[in-house]
Amino acid sequence: MILLAHAGHWLVSIAEFLPVLLFVAWLGWITLREKRRGREAAEE
């Protein structure tokens, strides 16, 4: 039988992991933006 932690445990885990997730998302956004800018500059 699978036991699930109560909401308090999930909220603490999410609160600890959220800054990491946001940082990775920000890095991905910056990388994609720079790649697009590079392609646009090469086309001009």
N, C-alpha and C. Protein backbone atom coordinates (compact mmCIF):
# COMPACT_ATOMS: atom_id res chain seq x y z
N MET A 1 0.84 -1.18 0.00
CA MET A 1 0.00 0.00 0.00
C MET A 1 0.89 1.24 0.00
N ILE A 2 0.55 2.20 -0.85
CA ILE A 2 1.34 3.42 -0.95
C ILE A 2 0.83 4.43 0.08
N LEU A 3 1.75 4.94 0.86
CA LEU A 3 1.40 5.97 1.83
C LEU A 3 1.84 7.33 1.30
N LEU A 4 0.97 8.30 1.37
CA LEU A 4 1.29 9.65 0.93
C LEU A 4 1.46 10.55 2.14
N ALA A 5 2.42 11.45 2.04
CA ALA A 5 2.62 12.42 3.11
C ALA A 5 1.48 13.43 3.12
N HIS A 6 1.23 14.01 4.25
CA HIS A 6 0.16 14.99 4.31
C HIS A 6 0.59 16.30 3.64
N ALA A 7 -0.33 17.20 3.46
CA ALA A 7 -0.10 18.43 2.68
C ALA A 7 1.06 19.25 3.23
N GLY A 8 1.27 19.23 4.52
CA GLY A 8 2.38 19.99 5.12
C GLY A 8 3.72 19.56 4.58
N HIS A 9 3.92 18.27 4.43
CA HIS A 9 5.19 17.78 3.88
C HIS A 9 5.35 18.19 2.43
N TRP A 10 4.27 18.11 1.66
CA TRP A 10 4.33 18.51 0.25
C TRP A 10 4.63 19.99 0.13
N LEU A 11 4.00 20.82 0.94
CA LEU A 11 4.22 22.26 0.86
C LEU A 11 5.66 22.63 1.21
N VAL A 12 6.22 21.97 2.21
CA VAL A 12 7.60 22.24 2.58
C VAL A 12 8.54 21.82 1.46
N SER A 13 8.28 20.66 0.86
CA SER A 13 9.12 20.20 -0.24
C SER A 13 9.05 21.13 -1.43
N ILE A 14 7.85 21.58 -1.76
CA ILE A 14 7.68 22.50 -2.88
C ILE A 14 8.36 23.84 -2.57
N ALA A 15 8.22 24.32 -1.36
CA ALA A 15 8.83 25.59 -0.98
C ALA A 15 10.35 25.51 -1.06
N GLU A 16 10.93 24.36 -0.76
CA GLU A 16 12.37 24.21 -0.84
C GLU A 16 12.83 24.05 -2.29
N PHE A 17 12.03 23.42 -3.12
CA PHE A 17 12.43 23.14 -4.50
C PHE A 17 12.08 24.27 -5.46
N LEU A 18 11.12 25.11 -5.11
CA LEU A 18 10.66 26.16 -6.01
C LEU A 18 11.77 27.12 -6.45
N PRO A 19 12.64 27.61 -5.56
CA PRO A 19 13.71 28.50 -6.03
C PRO A 19 14.64 27.82 -7.05
N VAL A 20 14.91 26.55 -6.87
CA VAL A 20 15.74 25.82 -7.82
C VAL A 20 15.03 25.73 -9.17
N LEU A 21 13.76 25.40 -9.14
CA LEU A 21 12.97 25.29 -10.37
C LEU A 21 12.90 26.63 -11.09
N LEU A 22 12.69 27.71 -10.34
CA LEU A 22 12.62 29.04 -10.94
C LEU A 22 13.96 29.43 -11.55
N PHE A 23 15.06 29.10 -10.89
CA PHE A 23 16.39 29.42 -11.41
C PHE A 23 16.67 28.67 -12.71
N VAL A 24 16.32 27.39 -12.76
CA VAL A 24 16.52 26.60 -13.97
C VAL A 24 15.64 27.14 -15.10
N ALA A 25 14.41 27.50 -14.80
CA ALA A 25 13.52 28.07 -15.81
C ALA A 25 14.08 29.39 -16.32
N TRP A 26 14.62 30.22 -15.44
CA TRP A 26 15.22 31.49 -15.84
C TRP A 26 16.42 31.26 -16.75
N LEU A 27 17.27 30.30 -16.40
CA LEU A 27 18.42 30.00 -17.26
C LEU A 27 17.97 29.53 -18.64
N GLY A 28 16.94 28.70 -18.68
CA GLY A 28 16.41 28.23 -19.96
C GLY A 28 15.87 29.38 -20.78
N TRP A 29 15.15 30.29 -20.14
CA TRP A 29 14.57 31.45 -20.83
C TRP A 29 15.69 32.32 -21.41
N ILE A 30 16.71 32.59 -20.63
CA ILE A 30 17.83 33.43 -21.08
C ILE A 30 18.54 32.76 -22.25
N THR A 31 18.76 31.46 -22.17
CA THR A 31 19.44 30.73 -23.23
C THR A 31 18.64 30.78 -24.53
N LEU A 32 17.35 30.52 -24.45
CA LEU A 32 16.52 30.58 -25.66
C LEU A 32 16.48 31.98 -26.25
N ARG A 33 16.40 32.98 -25.39
CA ARG A 33 16.36 34.36 -25.85
C ARG A 33 17.66 34.72 -26.59
N GLU A 34 18.79 34.31 -26.04
CA GLU A 34 20.07 34.60 -26.68
C GLU A 34 20.21 33.86 -28.01
N LYS A 35 19.72 32.63 -28.09
CA LYS A 35 19.78 31.89 -29.34
C LYS A 35 18.94 32.57 -30.41
N ARG A 36 17.76 33.05 -30.03
CA ARG A 36 16.90 33.76 -30.98
C ARG A 36 17.56 35.05 -31.47
N ARG A 37 18.17 35.77 -30.55
CA ARG A 37 18.85 37.00 -30.92
C ARG A 37 20.01 36.71 -31.86
N GLY A 38 20.72 35.62 -31.62
CA GLY A 38 21.83 35.25 -32.48
C GLY A 38 21.36 34.91 -33.89
N ARG A 39 20.25 34.20 -33.99
CA ARG A 39 19.69 33.85 -35.30
C ARG A 39 19.22 35.10 -36.04
N GLU A 40 18.57 36.00 -35.33
CA GLU A 40 18.08 37.23 -35.96
C GLU A 40 19.24 38.09 -36.44
N ALA A 41 20.31 38.15 -35.68
CA ALA A 41 21.48 38.95 -36.06
C ALA A 41 22.16 38.33 -37.29
N ALA A 42 22.17 37.00 -37.38
CA ALA A 42 22.81 36.32 -38.49
C ALA A 42 22.00 36.50 -39.78
N GLU A 43 20.70 36.64 -39.65
CA GLU A 43 19.83 36.80 -40.84
C GLU A 43 19.94 38.21 -41.42
N GLU A 44 20.30 39.17 -40.60
CA GLU A 44 20.36 40.57 -41.07
C GLU A 44 21.64 40.87 -41.78
